[in-house]
Protein backbone atom coordinates (compact mmCIF):
# COMPACT_ATOMS: atom_id res chain seq x y z
CA MET A 1 70.38 81.03 111.25
CA THR A 2 69.24 81.97 107.79
CA ILE A 3 71.92 82.18 105.11
CA LEU A 4 71.91 85.64 103.56
CA ASN A 5 72.07 85.56 99.75
CA PRO A 6 74.33 88.44 98.60
CA ASP A 7 72.93 88.76 95.04
CA LYS A 8 70.34 91.51 95.47
CA HIS A 9 72.55 93.39 97.94
CA VAL A 10 75.41 93.47 95.43
CA ARG A 11 73.08 94.78 92.69
CA ILE A 12 71.67 97.45 95.02
CA GLY A 13 75.20 98.62 95.87
CA TYR A 14 76.36 98.65 92.25
CA ILE A 15 73.31 100.47 90.88
CA ALA A 16 73.53 103.20 93.51
CA ALA A 17 77.30 103.66 93.19
CA LEU A 18 77.50 103.59 89.39
CA GLN A 19 74.52 105.90 88.79
CA ALA A 20 75.97 108.40 91.27
CA ALA A 21 79.50 108.23 89.81
CA THR A 22 78.67 108.23 86.08
CA GLY A 23 75.28 109.94 85.87
CA LEU A 24 74.16 107.09 83.59
CA LYS A 25 71.18 104.80 84.01
CA VAL A 26 72.10 101.36 85.35
CA TRP A 27 69.84 98.34 84.91
CA HIS A 28 70.00 94.68 85.79
CA ARG A 29 69.96 92.39 82.73
CA ARG A 30 67.94 94.56 80.35
CA ILE A 31 66.43 97.95 79.71
CA PRO A 32 62.75 98.07 80.72
CA LYS A 33 60.33 98.12 77.77
CA ASN A 34 58.75 101.42 78.85
CA VAL A 35 62.11 103.29 78.70
CA THR A 36 63.56 105.09 75.70
CA VAL A 37 67.02 103.61 75.13
CA PRO A 38 69.64 106.23 75.99
CA ALA A 39 72.81 106.67 73.94
CA LYS A 40 74.95 105.60 76.93
CA TYR A 41 73.96 103.21 79.68
CA ILE A 42 75.18 100.39 81.92
CA ILE A 43 73.81 96.85 82.24
CA LEU A 44 74.68 94.49 85.12
CA ASP A 45 74.47 90.80 84.26
CA THR A 46 76.05 87.36 84.64
CA GLN A 47 76.17 87.39 88.40
CA SER A 48 77.49 84.33 90.22
CA LYS A 49 78.57 83.34 93.71
CA ASN A 50 80.55 80.59 95.37
CA GLU A 51 80.79 79.77 99.03
CA THR A 52 84.33 80.47 100.13
CA VAL A 53 84.22 80.17 103.93
CA ASN A 54 81.86 78.23 106.16
CA ALA A 55 82.60 79.12 109.77
CA LYS A 56 81.01 79.10 113.20
CA ASN A 57 80.12 82.17 115.23
CA ASN A 58 81.67 81.12 118.56
CA GLU A 59 79.27 83.12 120.75
CA GLU A 60 76.06 81.79 119.23
CA ARG A 61 77.40 78.57 117.65
CA GLU A 62 75.75 79.37 114.34
CA THR A 63 77.23 78.81 110.92
CA TYR A 64 77.82 81.73 108.58
CA PHE A 65 79.12 81.95 105.06
CA GLU A 66 81.52 84.12 103.14
CA TRP A 67 81.08 84.43 99.39
CA LEU A 68 83.11 85.02 96.26
CA VAL A 69 80.72 87.01 94.08
CA THR A 70 81.31 87.97 90.45
CA LEU A 71 79.34 90.49 88.44
CA ASP A 72 79.68 91.68 84.86
CA VAL A 73 79.35 95.39 84.21
CA ASN A 74 78.57 96.24 80.57
CA ILE A 75 79.06 99.79 79.31
CA TYR A 76 77.18 100.71 76.13
CA ASN A 77 77.56 103.69 73.83
CA VAL A 78 75.13 103.57 70.90
CA ASN A 79 76.22 105.39 67.73
CA GLN A 80 74.93 105.93 64.24
CA LEU A 81 75.95 103.02 61.99
CA GLY A 82 79.56 103.37 60.93
CA TYR A 83 80.61 105.65 63.80
CA SER A 84 82.48 104.91 67.00
CA ASN A 85 83.26 106.81 70.17
CA ALA A 86 85.32 104.24 72.06
CA GLU A 87 86.98 107.01 74.09
CA ALA A 88 83.66 107.72 75.83
CA VAL A 89 83.40 104.06 76.87
CA ASP A 90 87.04 104.09 78.04
CA ASP A 91 86.33 107.17 80.20
CA ILE A 92 83.27 105.54 81.75
CA GLU A 93 85.27 102.35 82.37
CA GLN A 94 87.92 104.39 84.19
CA ILE A 95 85.27 105.93 86.47
CA ILE A 96 83.67 102.55 87.17
CA ILE A 97 86.97 100.85 88.00
CA SER A 98 87.94 103.70 90.32
CA VAL A 99 84.60 103.64 92.16
CA ILE A 100 84.42 99.86 92.54
CA ARG A 101 88.08 99.48 93.58
CA GLN A 102 87.71 102.24 96.21
CA GLY A 103 84.88 100.23 97.73
CA ILE A 104 81.15 100.53 97.38
CA ASN A 105 78.50 100.05 100.03
CA ILE A 106 76.99 96.58 99.73
CA PRO A 107 74.14 96.46 102.27
CA ASN A 108 74.53 93.80 105.00
CA PHE A 109 78.01 92.77 103.83
CA ASN A 110 81.64 93.71 104.32
CA ASN A 111 83.77 93.67 101.21
CA LYS A 112 87.02 91.94 102.18
CA ASN A 113 88.59 92.16 98.71
CA THR A 114 87.79 93.34 95.17
CA GLN A 115 89.51 92.23 91.98
CA ILE A 116 89.05 92.95 88.32
CA ILE A 117 88.89 89.55 86.65
CA GLU A 118 88.91 90.92 83.12
CA SER A 119 87.94 93.76 80.83
CA GLN A 120 86.96 93.10 77.22
CA ASP A 121 85.91 95.15 74.24
CA LEU A 122 82.71 93.65 72.83
CA SER A 123 81.80 96.36 70.32
CA ALA A 124 79.50 95.33 67.48
CA ASP A 125 77.37 96.61 64.63
CA THR A 126 73.67 95.98 64.07
CA THR A 127 71.89 96.75 60.81
CA THR A 128 71.16 100.29 62.06
CA GLN A 129 73.72 101.13 64.77
CA SER A 130 77.34 100.81 65.81
CA ILE A 131 77.63 99.97 69.49
CA ASP A 132 80.76 100.55 71.53
CA ARG A 133 80.63 98.06 74.40
CA LYS A 134 83.04 97.23 77.18
CA LEU A 135 82.56 94.41 79.69
CA ILE A 136 84.29 94.49 83.08
CA LYS A 137 84.09 91.43 85.34
CA PHE A 138 84.54 92.15 89.05
CA GLU A 139 84.98 89.69 91.90
CA HIS A 140 84.23 90.48 95.54
CA TRP A 141 84.98 88.49 98.68
CA LEU A 142 82.08 89.25 101.02
CA ASN A 143 81.11 88.41 104.57
CA ARG A 144 78.06 89.45 106.52
CA SER A 145 78.37 92.71 108.36
CA GLU A 146 76.11 91.42 111.12
CA ILE A 147 74.68 88.10 112.08
CA ILE A 148 70.90 88.28 111.75
């Protein structure tokens, strides 16, 4: 049996759920070069996984894996230099936490548990902008929804 890597499935689930819930664009790692940077957006990055269960399917005697998967969700709100709108980022964070904790569809996997590992304010200034940024790290315990 082929081991199913959850990485792309988690990203697919997150992008669909967060765009629908927030109305914001969601990208993995970076904004594409051909896109005008919006004032508010979400970036998914720093994804990791660890094998948590290695078990046998009794009927077919095949090994399957369960995974602990973490993913960082970064919320950005770009302002004119010297200005901040942290409340907008807090409101988006509230929506994201609610949606993820209620359970999102991760294709080919069941989500056995979801935890918020941490939430941090990472706001910063550049030479031309003030950026309100919040990072939320989620952890999911996943198993395959079907043996392929």
